Amino acid sequence: MYVAVIALMVACVCGQDVTQELMEPVDDLADTDLVLAFVIGKQRSYRIGQYIRRRYDGFLSKLYLPDEIKIRTTDYDRTKMTALAALAAIYPPPPAQRWNPNLDWQPVPYDTLPYAVDDLLYWYNCPRYLWLRDRHYELPEVVNILRPYQNLFNYLSEKTGSNITTPEAVFYLDSLFQTLENVNIWPPKWATDVMPQIKEMTKIEYAVETYSSELLRLAAGVLMTDIVNATNRAVAGYLDQPKMRLYSAHENNVAAVMAAVRAFQAHQPNYGATFSLELRKHRTTGRHGIAAVYSQNTGQPEEIVPIQGCGGGQLCDYDTFLKLVQDIMWSPEDFRMACPSK
């Protein structure tokens, strides 16, 4: 039976930010293309909500109960809109909560921390993280992995007119192409010719971003502490907390949390990807465990992904899980000391 579900909902309506340099070749996008991008993003976000309602129906009440769910977004319009669209699907108003007979919708609030102090935005507002990630590019094993891609860096620099020398820069270019594909604007031939290498470089970037315990503490330590504090209270029998926590954030957050719980194989999570950590209790033994559930593509079936160090099964023993994530957990105070706000 479910005791509690701690769900990390991550979806990007418009994708990652890209540098202005890389955006210049597509600055002539028609307004209709941008409108279409937003429409597609809203539809995708609504399907996320339908997925959450389907998977957790019965665990979540059909009534919107403020004490049952907590929602947090990053300080970006697209993640706020994602949360709103998903919540519209999670909580269509039943008769008791229908306030307008012509509108199958009800307002559901969410919380947002200001950009400068948001620990979910570690890769933008934490100089320590960015510095450490760049130092990992210089590790001998990473240098050896990148060496065969030097021609790719030169080729992409020539074609874009930008100085592309790192996996991060290729990742941003890949994200731009994904965003444009959402409105049926396909990459130019010079890009499709090397797209397999671009995708491999994106995987390398994600592997580097989650390479060490310190990077993971900066990336997901505060969030993991929040999750573990909540699951500990649920295991202890306390019911005075939300049954579900949803985070509407970015692809980096999906990767960081999956890596923090040792359930990540380097890849770029798709727009609309949803990763959940479910606290479960065995009906017979009463023992608790954690299941890591990943829906990589919006509207497609989810899968339970194995947590490394838990024997390869679908459920990780709770005490084992705590030992695995112990060195990743950080307090908000730890994060603020390492990443002081500007």
C-alpha atoms as a PDB file:
ATOM      1  CA  MET A   1       0.000   0.000   0.000  1.00  0.00           C
ATOM      2  CA  TYR A   2       1.085   3.609  -0.457  1.00  0.00           C
ATOM      3  CA  VAL A   3       2.024   5.418   2.739  1.00  0.00           C
ATOM      4  CA  ALA A   4       3.251   8.595   1.102  1.00  0.00           C
ATOM      5  CA  VAL A   5       4.414   9.778  -2.260  1.00  0.00           C
ATOM      6  CA  ILE A   6       7.104  12.378  -2.716  1.00  0.00           C
ATOM      7  CA  ALA A   7       6.822  13.301  -6.378  1.00  0.00           C
ATOM      8  CA  LEU A   8       9.271  15.403  -8.307  1.00  0.00           C
ATOM      9  CA  MET A   9       7.375  16.816 -11.262  1.00  0.00           C
ATOM     10  CA  VAL A  10       9.677  18.381 -13.789  1.00  0.00           C
ATOM     11  CA  ALA A  11       8.528  19.775 -17.101  1.00  0.00           C
ATOM     12  CA  CYS A  12       9.671  22.588 -19.341  1.00  0.00           C
ATOM     13  CA  VAL A  13       7.120  24.398 -21.450  1.00  0.00           C
ATOM     14  CA  CYS A  14       9.691  26.139 -23.648  1.00  0.00           C
ATOM     15  CA  GLY A  15      12.896  24.302 -22.873  1.00  0.00           C
ATOM     16  CA  GLN A  16      16.209  25.455 -21.511  1.00  0.00           C
ATOM     17  CA  ASP A  17      17.423  28.981 -21.934  1.00  0.00           C
ATOM     18  CA  VAL A  18      19.866  29.310 -24.803  1.00  0.00           C
ATOM     19  CA  THR A  19      22.469  31.952 -25.351  1.00  0.00           C
ATOM     20  CA  GLN A  20      21.578  35.004 -27.399  1.00  0.00           C
ATOM     21  CA  GLU A  21      24.382  34.125 -29.799  1.00  0.00           C
ATOM     22  CA  LEU A  22      22.774  30.805 -30.627  1.00  0.00           C
ATOM     23  CA  MET A  23      19.312  32.339 -30.894  1.00  0.00           C
ATOM     24  CA  GLU A  24      20.299  34.892 -33.550  1.00  0.00           C
ATOM     25  CA  PRO A  25      19.911  32.495 -36.524  1.00  0.00           C
ATOM     26  CA  VAL A  26      16.249  31.959 -35.577  1.00  0.00           C
ATOM     27  CA  ASP A  27      15.314  35.465 -34.454  1.00  0.00           C
ATOM     28  CA  ASP A  28      12.958  35.724 -37.428  1.00  0.00           C
ATOM     29  CA  LEU A  29      10.566  33.152 -35.984  1.00  0.00           C
ATOM     30  CA  ALA A  30       6.984  34.127 -36.731  1.00  0.00           C
ATOM     31  CA  ASP A  31       4.743  35.079 -33.827  1.00  0.00           C
ATOM     32  CA  THR A  32       2.516  32.143 -34.796  1.00  0.00           C
ATOM     33  CA  ASP A  33       5.457  29.781 -34.199  1.00  0.00           C
ATOM     34  CA  LEU A  34       5.942  31.127 -30.684  1.00  0.00           C
ATOM     35  CA  VAL A  35       2.217  30.895 -29.973  1.00  0.00           C
ATOM     36  CA  LEU A  36       2.253  27.293 -31.181  1.00  0.00           C
ATOM     37  CA  ALA A  37       5.185  26.532 -28.879  1.00  0.00           C
ATOM     38  CA  PHE A  38       3.207  27.782 -25.892  1.00  0.00           C
ATOM     39  CA  VAL A  39       0.100  25.835 -26.933  1.00  0.00           C
ATOM     40  CA  ILE A  40       2.076  22.614 -27.310  1.00  0.00           C
ATOM     41  CA  GLY A  41       3.726  23.237 -23.946  1.00  0.00           C
ATOM     42  CA  LYS A  42       0.372  23.726 -22.245  1.00  0.00           C
ATOM     43  CA  GLN A  43      -0.996  20.546 -23.801  1.00  0.00           C
ATOM     44  CA  ARG A  44       2.057  18.617 -22.636  1.00  0.00           C
ATOM     45  CA  SER A  45       1.732  20.043 -19.137  1.00  0.00           C
ATOM     46  CA  TYR A  46      -1.938  19.111 -18.975  1.00  0.00           C
ATOM     47  CA  ARG A  47      -1.024  15.531 -19.909  1.00  0.00           C
ATOM     48  CA  ILE A  48       1.446  15.501 -17.006  1.00  0.00           C
ATOM     49  CA  GLY A  49      -1.465  16.261 -14.718  1.00  0.00           C
ATOM     50  CA  GLN A  50      -3.546  13.516 -16.314  1.00  0.00           C
ATOM     51  CA  TYR A  51      -0.680  11.080 -15.700  1.00  0.00           C
ATOM     52  CA  ILE A  52      -0.421  12.105 -12.034  1.00  0.00           C
ATOM     53  CA  ARG A  53      -4.174  11.805 -11.547  1.00  0.00           C
ATOM     54  CA  ARG A  54      -4.201   8.369 -13.172  1.00  0.00           C
ATOM     55  CA  ARG A  55      -1.273   6.998 -11.183  1.00  0.00           C
ATOM     56  CA  TYR A  56      -2.263   8.449  -7.820  1.00  0.00           C
ATOM     57  CA  ASP A  57      -6.037   8.486  -8.062  1.00  0.00           C
ATOM     58  CA  GLY A  58      -7.383   7.199  -4.752  1.00  0.00           C
ATOM     59  CA  PHE A  59      -4.202   8.190  -2.964  1.00  0.00           C
ATOM     60  CA  LEU A  60      -5.003  11.801  -3.854  1.00  0.00           C
ATOM     61  CA  SER A  61      -8.539  12.896  -3.159  1.00  0.00           C
ATOM     62  CA  LYS A  62     -10.643  14.020  -6.094  1.00  0.00           C
ATOM     63  CA  LEU A  63     -11.422  17.096  -4.008  1.00  0.00           C
ATOM     64  CA  TYR A  64      -8.679  19.692  -3.861  1.00  0.00           C
ATOM     65  CA  LEU A  65      -7.595  19.618  -0.213  1.00  0.00           C
ATOM     66  CA  PRO A  66      -4.967  22.276   0.585  1.00  0.00           C
ATOM     67  CA  ASP A  67      -3.284  20.145   3.266  1.00  0.00           C
ATOM     68  CA  GLU A  68      -2.925  17.154   0.953  1.00  0.00           C
ATOM     69  CA  ILE A  69      -0.517  18.534  -1.645  1.00  0.00           C
ATOM     70  CA  LYS A  70       2.306  21.070  -1.797  1.00  0.00           C
ATOM     71  CA  ILE A  71       3.482  22.548  -5.096  1.00  0.00           C
ATOM     72  CA  ARG A  72       6.657  24.481  -5.759  1.00  0.00           C
ATOM     73  CA  THR A  73       7.958  25.987  -8.984  1.00  0.00           C
ATOM     74  CA  THR A  74      11.091  27.786 -10.020  1.00  0.00           C
ATOM     75  CA  ASP A  75      10.871  31.508 -10.717  1.00  0.00           C
ATOM     76  CA  TYR A  76      10.254  31.090 -14.444  1.00  0.00           C
ATOM     77  CA  ASP A  77       7.002  31.735 -16.280  1.00  0.00           C
ATOM     78  CA  ARG A  78       7.198  28.398 -18.091  1.00  0.00           C
ATOM     79  CA  THR A  79       7.485  26.305 -14.910  1.00  0.00           C
ATOM     80  CA  LYS A  80       4.665  28.271 -13.277  1.00  0.00           C
ATOM     81  CA  MET A  81       2.486  27.690 -16.342  1.00  0.00           C
ATOM     82  CA  THR A  82       3.432  24.010 -16.299  1.00  0.00           C
ATOM     83  CA  ALA A  83       2.234  23.716 -12.714  1.00  0.00           C
ATOM     84  CA  LEU A  84      -1.026  25.530 -13.474  1.00  0.00           C
ATOM     85  CA  ALA A  85      -1.810  23.384 -16.515  1.00  0.00           C
ATOM     86  CA  ALA A  86      -0.926  20.139 -14.710  1.00  0.00           C
ATOM     87  CA  LEU A  87      -3.007  21.086 -11.682  1.00  0.00           C
ATOM     88  CA  ALA A  88      -5.972  21.757 -13.945  1.00  0.00           C
ATOM     89  CA  ALA A  89      -5.833  18.078 -14.918  1.00  0.00           C
ATOM     90  CA  ILE A  90      -5.127  16.796 -11.407  1.00  0.00           C
ATOM     91  CA  TYR A  91      -8.007  18.704  -9.806  1.00  0.00           C
ATOM     92  CA  PRO A  92     -10.909  19.288 -12.184  1.00  0.00           C
ATOM     93  CA  PRO A  93     -13.590  20.514  -9.771  1.00  0.00           C
ATOM     94  CA  PRO A  94     -16.122  17.908  -8.654  1.00  0.00           C
ATOM     95  CA  PRO A  95     -19.663  19.178  -8.069  1.00  0.00           C
ATOM     96  CA  ALA A  96     -18.900  20.234  -4.486  1.00  0.00           C
ATOM     97  CA  GLN A  97     -16.080  22.531  -5.679  1.00  0.00           C
ATOM     98  CA  ARG A  98     -17.478  23.704  -9.006  1.00  0.00           C
ATOM     99  CA  TRP A  99     -17.666  27.482  -8.676  1.00  0.00           C
ATOM    100  CA  ASN A 100     -18.556  28.286 -12.297  1.00  0.00           C
ATOM    101  CA  PRO A 101     -20.934  26.009 -14.211  1.00  0.00           C
ATOM    102  CA  ASN A 102     -19.251  26.933 -17.492  1.00  0.00           C
ATOM    103  CA  LEU A 103     -15.659  26.307 -16.382  1.00  0.00           C
ATOM    104  CA  ASP A 104     -14.147  22.890 -15.602  1.00  0.00           C
ATOM    105  CA  TRP A 105     -11.295  24.429 -13.610  1.00  0.00           C
ATOM    106  CA  GLN A 106     -10.498  25.659 -10.121  1.00  0.00           C
ATOM    107  CA  PRO A 107      -7.559  27.692  -8.830  1.00  0.00           C
ATOM    108  CA  VAL A 108      -4.863  25.731  -6.983  1.00  0.00           C
ATOM    109  CA  PRO A 109      -1.969  27.709  -5.418  1.00  0.00           C
ATOM    110  CA  TYR A 110       1.745  27.025  -5.663  1.00  0.00           C
ATOM    111  CA  ASP A 111       4.874  28.448  -4.007  1.00  0.00           C
ATOM    112  CA  THR A 112       7.832  30.053  -5.772  1.00  0.00           C
ATOM    113  CA  LEU A 113      11.115  31.194  -4.238  1.00  0.00           C
ATOM    114  CA  PRO A 114      12.753  34.295  -5.743  1.00  0.00           C
ATOM    115  CA  TYR A 115      15.276  33.521  -8.462  1.00  0.00           C
ATOM    116  CA  ALA A 116      18.300  34.675  -6.443  1.00  0.00           C
ATOM    117  CA  VAL A 117      17.687  32.305  -3.508  1.00  0.00           C
ATOM    118  CA  ASP A 118      16.162  29.310  -5.305  1.00  0.00           C
ATOM    119  CA  ASP A 119      18.245  26.203  -4.620  1.00  0.00           C
ATOM    120  CA  LEU A 120      16.504  24.390  -7.499  1.00  0.00           C
ATOM    121  CA  LEU A 121      18.287  26.805  -9.873  1.00  0.00           C
ATOM    122  CA  TYR A 122      21.751  25.779  -8.693  1.00  0.00           C
ATOM    123  CA  TRP A 123      23.284  25.696 -12.188  1.00  0.00           C
ATOM    124  CA  TYR A 124      22.394  29.350 -12.764  1.00  0.00           C
ATOM    125  CA  ASN A 125      22.778  31.066  -9.411  1.00  0.00           C
ATOM    126  CA  CYS A 126      25.520  29.069  -7.662  1.00  0.00           C
ATOM    127  CA  PRO A 127      29.028  30.146  -8.749  1.00  0.00           C
ATOM    128  CA  ARG A 128      30.539  27.319  -6.704  1.00  0.00           C
ATOM    129  CA  TYR A 129      28.600  24.720  -8.684  1.00  0.00           C
ATOM    130  CA  LEU A 130      29.552  26.247 -12.046  1.00  0.00           C
ATOM    131  CA  TRP A 131      33.213  26.540 -11.024  1.00  0.00           C
ATOM    132  CA  LEU A 132      33.293  22.943  -9.781  1.00  0.00           C
ATOM    133  CA  ARG A 133      31.548  21.625 -12.893  1.00  0.00           C
ATOM    134  CA  ASP A 134      34.120  23.427 -15.081  1.00  0.00           C
ATOM    135  CA  ARG A 135      36.956  21.887 -13.049  1.00  0.00           C
ATOM    136  CA  HIS A 136      35.499  18.462 -13.777  1.00  0.00           C
ATOM    137  CA  TYR A 137      35.983  19.157 -17.500  1.00  0.00           C
ATOM    138  CA  GLU A 138      39.705  19.210 -16.701  1.00  0.00           C
ATOM    139  CA  LEU A 139      39.836  15.777 -15.040  1.00  0.00           C
ATOM    140  CA  PRO A 140      42.078  13.409 -17.030  1.00  0.00           C
ATOM    141  CA  GLU A 141      39.291  10.886 -17.591  1.00  0.00           C
ATOM    142  CA  VAL A 142      36.930  13.600 -18.857  1.00  0.00           C
ATOM    143  CA  VAL A 143      39.634  15.120 -21.094  1.00  0.00           C
ATOM    144  CA  ASN A 144      40.141  11.678 -22.635  1.00  0.00           C
ATOM    145  CA  ILE A 145      36.427  11.342 -23.314  1.00  0.00           C
ATOM    146  CA  LEU A 146      36.245  14.807 -24.920  1.00  0.00           C
ATOM    147  CA  ARG A 147      39.390  14.524 -27.045  1.00  0.00           C
ATOM    148  CA  PRO A 148      37.680  12.731 -29.996  1.00  0.00           C
ATOM    149  CA  TYR A 149      35.055  15.514 -30.122  1.00  0.00           C
ATOM    150  CA  GLN A 150      37.453  18.387 -30.834  1.00  0.00           C
ATOM    151  CA  ASN A 151      36.503  18.349 -34.507  1.00  0.00           C
ATOM    152  CA  LEU A 152      32.838  18.589 -33.482  1.00  0.00           C
ATOM    153  CA  PHE A 153      33.556  21.702 -31.386  1.00  0.00           C
ATOM    154  CA  ASN A 154      35.369  23.300 -34.333  1.00  0.00           C
ATOM    155  CA  TYR A 155      32.604  22.351 -36.772  1.00  0.00           C
ATOM    156  CA  LEU A 156      29.799  23.716 -34.583  1.00  0.00           C
ATOM    157  CA  SER A 157      31.736  26.902 -33.873  1.00  0.00           C
ATOM    158  CA  GLU A 158      32.139  27.486 -37.597  1.00  0.00           C
ATOM    159  CA  LYS A 159      28.489  26.781 -38.420  1.00  0.00           C
ATOM    160  CA  THR A 160      26.975  28.835 -35.584  1.00  0.00           C
ATOM    161  CA  GLY A 161      29.496  31.658 -35.419  1.00  0.00           C
ATOM    162  CA  SER A 162      29.820  31.008 -31.687  1.00  0.00           C
ATOM    163  CA  ASN A 163      32.757  29.805 -29.627  1.00  0.00           C
ATOM    164  CA  ILE A 164      31.682  26.251 -28.778  1.00  0.00           C
ATOM    165  CA  THR A 165      34.358  24.526 -26.725  1.00  0.00           C
ATOM    166  CA  THR A 166      32.504  22.689 -23.920  1.00  0.00           C
ATOM    167  CA  PRO A 167      29.813  20.034 -23.561  1.00  0.00           C
ATOM    168  CA  GLU A 168      27.592  22.693 -21.977  1.00  0.00           C
ATOM    169  CA  ALA A 169      27.648  24.802 -25.159  1.00  0.00           C
ATOM    170  CA  VAL A 170      26.701  21.775 -27.272  1.00  0.00           C
ATOM    171  CA  PHE A 171      23.945  20.953 -24.787  1.00  0.00           C
ATOM    172  CA  TYR A 172      22.463  24.438 -25.218  1.00  0.00           C
ATOM    173  CA  LEU A 173      22.531  24.009 -28.988  1.00  0.00           C
ATOM    174  CA  ASP A 174      20.816  20.639 -28.672  1.00  0.00           C
ATOM    175  CA  SER A 175      18.145  22.203 -26.442  1.00  0.00           C
ATOM    176  CA  LEU A 176      17.570  24.935 -29.039  1.00  0.00           C
ATOM    177  CA  PHE A 177      16.990  22.344 -31.746  1.00  0.00           C
ATOM    178  CA  GLN A 178      14.542  20.480 -29.496  1.00  0.00           C
ATOM    179  CA  THR A 179      12.620  23.674 -28.819  1.00  0.00           C
ATOM    180  CA  LEU A 180      12.344  24.467 -32.523  1.00  0.00           C
ATOM    181  CA  GLU A 181      11.271  20.920 -33.353  1.00  0.00           C
ATOM    182  CA  ASN A 182       8.297  21.455 -31.050  1.00  0.00           C
ATOM    183  CA  VAL A 183       6.946  23.948 -33.618  1.00  0.00           C
ATOM    184  CA  ASN A 184       7.925  21.800 -36.606  1.00  0.00           C
ATOM    185  CA  ILE A 185      11.077  23.774 -37.417  1.00  0.00           C
ATOM    186  CA  TRP A 186      13.716  21.156 -38.114  1.00  0.00           C
ATOM    187  CA  PRO A 187      17.490  21.533 -37.665  1.00  0.00           C
ATOM    188  CA  PRO A 188      19.498  22.540 -40.736  1.00  0.00           C
ATOM    189  CA  LYS A 189      21.345  19.829 -42.655  1.00  0.00           C
ATOM    190  CA  TRP A 190      24.700  20.841 -41.184  1.00  0.00           C
ATOM    191  CA  ALA A 191      23.253  19.980 -37.755  1.00  0.00           C
ATOM    192  CA  THR A 192      21.490  16.757 -38.721  1.00  0.00           C
ATOM    193  CA  ASP A 193      24.759  15.530 -40.255  1.00  0.00           C
ATOM    194  CA  VAL A 194      26.331  15.503 -36.778  1.00  0.00           C
ATOM    195  CA  MET A 195      23.215  15.054 -34.624  1.00  0.00           C
ATOM    196  CA  PRO A 196      24.324  11.690 -33.186  1.00  0.00           C
ATOM    197  CA  GLN A 197      27.511  13.349 -31.921  1.00  0.00           C
ATOM    198  CA  ILE A 198      25.537  16.286 -30.540  1.00  0.00           C
ATOM    199  CA  LYS A 199      23.328  13.853 -28.607  1.00  0.00           C
ATOM    200  CA  GLU A 200      26.377  12.023 -27.259  1.00  0.00           C
ATOM    201  CA  MET A 201      27.873  15.328 -26.128  1.00  0.00           C
ATOM    202  CA  THR A 202      24.625  16.171 -24.305  1.00  0.00           C
ATOM    203  CA  LYS A 203      24.899  12.855 -22.444  1.00  0.00           C
ATOM    204  CA  ILE A 204      28.480  13.708 -21.512  1.00  0.00           C
ATOM    205  CA  GLU A 205      27.350  17.073 -20.139  1.00  0.00           C
ATOM    206  CA  TYR A 206      24.768  15.402 -17.923  1.00  0.00           C
ATOM    207  CA  ALA A 207      27.325  12.861 -16.746  1.00  0.00           C
ATOM    208  CA  VAL A 208      29.730  15.661 -15.784  1.00  0.00           C
ATOM    209  CA  GLU A 209      26.984  17.671 -14.049  1.00  0.00           C
ATOM    210  CA  THR A 210      26.320  14.736 -11.705  1.00  0.00           C
ATOM    211  CA  TYR A 211      29.886  13.375 -11.522  1.00  0.00           C
ATOM    212  CA  SER A 212      30.751  13.815  -7.848  1.00  0.00           C
ATOM    213  CA  SER A 213      29.124  13.930  -4.417  1.00  0.00           C
ATOM    214  CA  GLU A 214      29.889  17.634  -4.053  1.00  0.00           C
ATOM    215  CA  LEU A 215      28.205  18.461  -7.359  1.00  0.00           C
ATOM    216  CA  LEU A 216      25.191  16.415  -6.290  1.00  0.00           C
ATOM    217  CA  ARG A 217      25.019  18.114  -2.892  1.00  0.00           C
ATOM    218  CA  LEU A 218      24.934  21.491  -4.617  1.00  0.00           C
ATOM    219  CA  ALA A 219      22.446  20.237  -7.200  1.00  0.00           C
ATOM    220  CA  ALA A 220      20.027  18.262  -5.067  1.00  0.00           C
ATOM    221  CA  GLY A 221      21.156  18.289  -1.438  1.00  0.00           C
ATOM    222  CA  VAL A 222      18.504  20.666  -0.097  1.00  0.00           C
ATOM    223  CA  LEU A 223      15.744  18.927  -2.032  1.00  0.00           C
ATOM    224  CA  MET A 224      16.876  15.498  -0.811  1.00  0.00           C
ATOM    225  CA  THR A 225      16.838  16.767   2.767  1.00  0.00           C
ATOM    226  CA  ASP A 226      13.284  18.006   2.274  1.00  0.00           C
ATOM    227  CA  ILE A 227      12.270  14.640   0.817  1.00  0.00           C
ATOM    228  CA  VAL A 228      13.938  12.571   3.552  1.00  0.00           C
ATOM    229  CA  ASN A 229      12.504  14.736   6.329  1.00  0.00           C
ATOM    230  CA  ALA A 230       9.034  14.168   4.864  1.00  0.00           C
ATOM    231  CA  THR A 231       9.463  10.410   4.418  1.00  0.00           C
ATOM    232  CA  ASN A 232      10.918  10.055   7.921  1.00  0.00           C
ATOM    233  CA  ARG A 233       7.824  11.723   9.363  1.00  0.00           C
ATOM    234  CA  ALA A 234       5.564   9.482   7.301  1.00  0.00           C
ATOM    235  CA  VAL A 235       7.410   6.347   8.464  1.00  0.00           C
ATOM    236  CA  ALA A 236       7.067   7.561  12.057  1.00  0.00           C
ATOM    237  CA  GLY A 237       3.319   7.837  11.566  1.00  0.00           C
ATOM    238  CA  TYR A 238       2.928  11.609  11.505  1.00  0.00           C
ATOM    239  CA  LEU A 239       0.020  12.648   9.304  1.00  0.00           C
ATOM    240  CA  ASP A 240       0.331  16.424   9.703  1.00  0.00           C
ATOM    241  CA  GLN A 241       2.066  17.001   6.361  1.00  0.00           C
ATOM    242  CA  PRO A 242       1.140  16.897   2.660  1.00  0.00           C
ATOM    243  CA  LYS A 243       0.736  13.455   1.118  1.00  0.00           C
ATOM    244  CA  MET A 244       2.362  14.658  -2.099  1.00  0.00           C
ATOM    245  CA  ARG A 245       4.962  17.272  -3.004  1.00  0.00           C
ATOM    246  CA  LEU A 246       5.253  18.407  -6.602  1.00  0.00           C
ATOM    247  CA  TYR A 247       8.157  20.400  -8.011  1.00  0.00           C
ATOM    248  CA  SER A 248       7.758  22.044 -11.399  1.00  0.00           C
ATOM    249  CA  ALA A 249      11.299  22.777 -12.495  1.00  0.00           C
ATOM    250  CA  HIS A 250      13.767  21.825 -15.259  1.00  0.00           C
ATOM    251  CA  GLU A 251      15.487  18.901 -16.963  1.00  0.00           C
ATOM    252  CA  ASN A 252      18.562  19.480 -14.804  1.00  0.00           C
ATOM    253  CA  ASN A 253      16.465  18.855 -11.694  1.00  0.00           C
ATOM    254  CA  VAL A 254      15.202  15.520 -12.996  1.00  0.00           C
ATOM    255  CA  ALA A 255      18.781  14.449 -13.736  1.00  0.00           C
ATOM    256  CA  ALA A 256      20.135  15.737 -10.420  1.00  0.00           C
ATOM    257  CA  VAL A 257      17.548  13.985  -8.245  1.00  0.00           C
ATOM    258  CA  MET A 258      17.761  10.760 -10.239  1.00  0.00           C
ATOM    259  CA  ALA A 259      21.541  10.866  -9.806  1.00  0.00           C
ATOM    260  CA  ALA A 260      21.259  11.710  -6.103  1.00  0.00           C
ATOM    261  CA  VAL A 261      19.226   8.541  -5.511  1.00  0.00           C
ATOM    262  CA  ARG A 262      21.469   6.510  -7.842  1.00  0.00           C
ATOM    263  CA  ALA A 263      18.802   5.896 -10.464  1.00  0.00           C
ATOM    264  CA  PHE A 264      20.320   7.898 -13.332  1.00  0.00           C
ATOM    265  CA  GLN A 265      21.817   6.784 -16.616  1.00  0.00           C
ATOM    266  CA  ALA A 266      23.288   9.823 -18.368  1.00  0.00           C
ATOM    267  CA  HIS A 267      20.758  11.292 -20.805  1.00  0.00           C
ATOM    268  CA  GLN A 268      18.770  14.466 -21.320  1.00  0.00           C
ATOM    269  CA  PRO A 269      15.279  14.148 -19.797  1.00  0.00           C
ATOM    270  CA  ASN A 270      12.632  15.068 -22.330  1.00  0.00           C
ATOM    271  CA  TYR A 271      10.263  17.987 -21.997  1.00  0.00           C
ATOM    272  CA  GLY A 272       7.452  16.776 -19.772  1.00  0.00           C
ATOM    273  CA  ALA A 273       9.527  14.089 -18.037  1.00  0.00           C
ATOM    274  CA  THR A 274       8.266  13.216 -14.560  1.00  0.00           C
ATOM    275  CA  PHE A 275      10.299  11.520 -11.847  1.00  0.00           C
ATOM    276  CA  SER A 276       8.662  10.366  -8.624  1.00  0.00           C
ATOM    277  CA  LEU A 277       9.942   8.903  -5.402  1.00  0.00           C
ATOM    278  CA  GLU A 278       7.248   6.815  -3.770  1.00  0.00           C
ATOM    279  CA  LEU A 279       7.374   5.736  -0.137  1.00  0.00           C
ATOM    280  CA  ARG A 280       5.667   2.355   0.159  1.00  0.00           C
ATOM    281  CA  LYS A 281       4.816   0.010   3.020  1.00  0.00           C
ATOM    282  CA  HIS A 282       4.673  -3.765   2.650  1.00  0.00           C
ATOM    283  CA  ARG A 283       1.208  -5.033   3.513  1.00  0.00           C
ATOM    284  CA  THR A 284       2.491  -8.094   5.382  1.00  0.00           C
ATOM    285  CA  THR A 285       5.829  -7.163   6.939  1.00  0.00           C
ATOM    286  CA  GLY A 286       5.154  -3.485   7.527  1.00  0.00           C
ATOM    287  CA  ARG A 287       8.611  -2.606   6.200  1.00  0.00           C
ATOM    288  CA  HIS A 288       9.019   0.580   4.184  1.00  0.00           C
ATOM    289  CA  GLY A 289      10.767   1.057   0.870  1.00  0.00           C
ATOM    290  CA  ILE A 290      11.315   3.592  -1.893  1.00  0.00           C
ATOM    291  CA  ALA A 291      10.307   3.132  -5.511  1.00  0.00           C
ATOM    292  CA  ALA A 292      11.795   5.399  -8.192  1.00  0.00           C
ATOM    293  CA  VAL A 293       9.237   5.935 -10.971  1.00  0.00           C
ATOM    294  CA  TYR A 294      10.187   7.600 -14.247  1.00  0.00           C
ATOM    295  CA  SER A 295       7.902   8.744 -17.038  1.00  0.00           C
ATOM    296  CA  GLN A 296      10.413   9.881 -19.643  1.00  0.00           C
ATOM    297  CA  ASN A 297       7.865  10.991 -22.234  1.00  0.00           C
ATOM    298  CA  THR A 298       4.625  12.772 -21.502  1.00  0.00           C
ATOM    299  CA  GLY A 299       1.646  10.478 -21.910  1.00  0.00           C
ATOM    300  CA  GLN A 300       3.727   7.321 -22.265  1.00  0.00           C
ATOM    301  CA  PRO A 301       3.857   4.499 -19.689  1.00  0.00           C
ATOM    302  CA  GLU A 302       6.050   5.009 -16.665  1.00  0.00           C
ATOM    303  CA  GLU A 303       8.648   2.530 -15.410  1.00  0.00           C
ATOM    304  CA  ILE A 304      10.138   1.727 -12.039  1.00  0.00           C
ATOM    305  CA  VAL A 305      13.874   2.266 -12.413  1.00  0.00           C
ATOM    306  CA  PRO A 306      16.343   0.391 -10.186  1.00  0.00           C
ATOM    307  CA  ILE A 307      18.231   2.259  -7.479  1.00  0.00           C
ATOM    308  CA  GLN A 308      21.902   1.273  -7.567  1.00  0.00           C
ATOM    309  CA  GLY A 309      22.941  -0.347  -4.312  1.00  0.00           C
ATOM    310  CA  CYS A 310      19.508  -1.845  -3.599  1.00  0.00           C
ATOM    311  CA  GLY A 311      19.974  -5.268  -5.161  1.00  0.00           C
ATOM    312  CA  GLY A 312      18.379  -4.495  -8.513  1.00  0.00           C
ATOM    313  CA  GLY A 313      14.791  -4.855  -7.308  1.00  0.00           C
ATOM    314  CA  GLN A 314      11.896  -2.469  -7.855  1.00  0.00           C
ATOM    315  CA  LEU A 315      11.749  -1.447  -4.196  1.00  0.00           C
ATOM    316  CA  CYS A 316      14.714  -0.133  -2.213  1.00  0.00           C
ATOM    317  CA  ASP A 317      14.643  -0.917   1.499  1.00  0.00           C
ATOM    318  CA  TYR A 318      14.089   2.367   3.299  1.00  0.00           C
ATOM    319  CA  ASP A 319      17.054   2.084   5.680  1.00  0.00           C
ATOM    320  CA  THR A 320      19.297   1.211   2.739  1.00  0.00           C
ATOM    321  CA  PHE A 321      17.954   4.185   0.814  1.00  0.00           C
ATOM    322  CA  LEU A 322      18.776   6.532   3.696  1.00  0.00           C
ATOM    323  CA  LYS A 323      22.375   5.287   3.774  1.00  0.00           C
ATOM    324  CA  LEU A 324      22.718   5.800   0.007  1.00  0.00           C
ATOM    325  CA  VAL A 325      21.615   9.454   0.087  1.00  0.00           C
ATOM    326  CA  GLN A 326      23.136  10.458   3.428  1.00  0.00           C
ATOM    327  CA  ASP A 327      26.234  12.058   1.920  1.00  0.00           C
ATOM    328  CA  ILE A 328      24.132  14.077  -0.546  1.00  0.00           C
ATOM    329  CA  MET A 329      21.813  15.753   1.974  1.00  0.00           C
ATOM    330  CA  TRP A 330      22.333  19.430   2.785  1.00  0.00           C
ATOM    331  CA  SER A 331      20.455  21.971   4.820  1.00  0.00           C
ATOM    332  CA  PRO A 332      19.309  25.281   3.292  1.00  0.00           C
ATOM    333  CA  GLU A 333      21.925  26.940   5.484  1.00  0.00           C
ATOM    334  CA  ASP A 334      24.648  24.757   3.955  1.00  0.00           C
ATOM    335  CA  PHE A 335      23.499  25.750   0.497  1.00  0.00           C
ATOM    336  CA  ARG A 336      23.417  29.465   1.304  1.00  0.00           C
ATOM    337  CA  MET A 337      26.960  29.294   2.664  1.00  0.00           C
ATOM    338  CA  ALA A 338      28.231  27.573  -0.462  1.00  0.00           C
ATOM    339  CA  CYS A 339      26.056  29.613  -2.835  1.00  0.00           C
ATOM    340  CA  PRO A 340      25.477  33.070  -1.311  1.00  0.00           C
ATOM    341  CA  SER A 341      22.747  35.030  -3.062  1.00  0.00           C
ATOM    342  CA  LYS A 342      23.887  37.906  -5.241  1.00  0.00           C
END
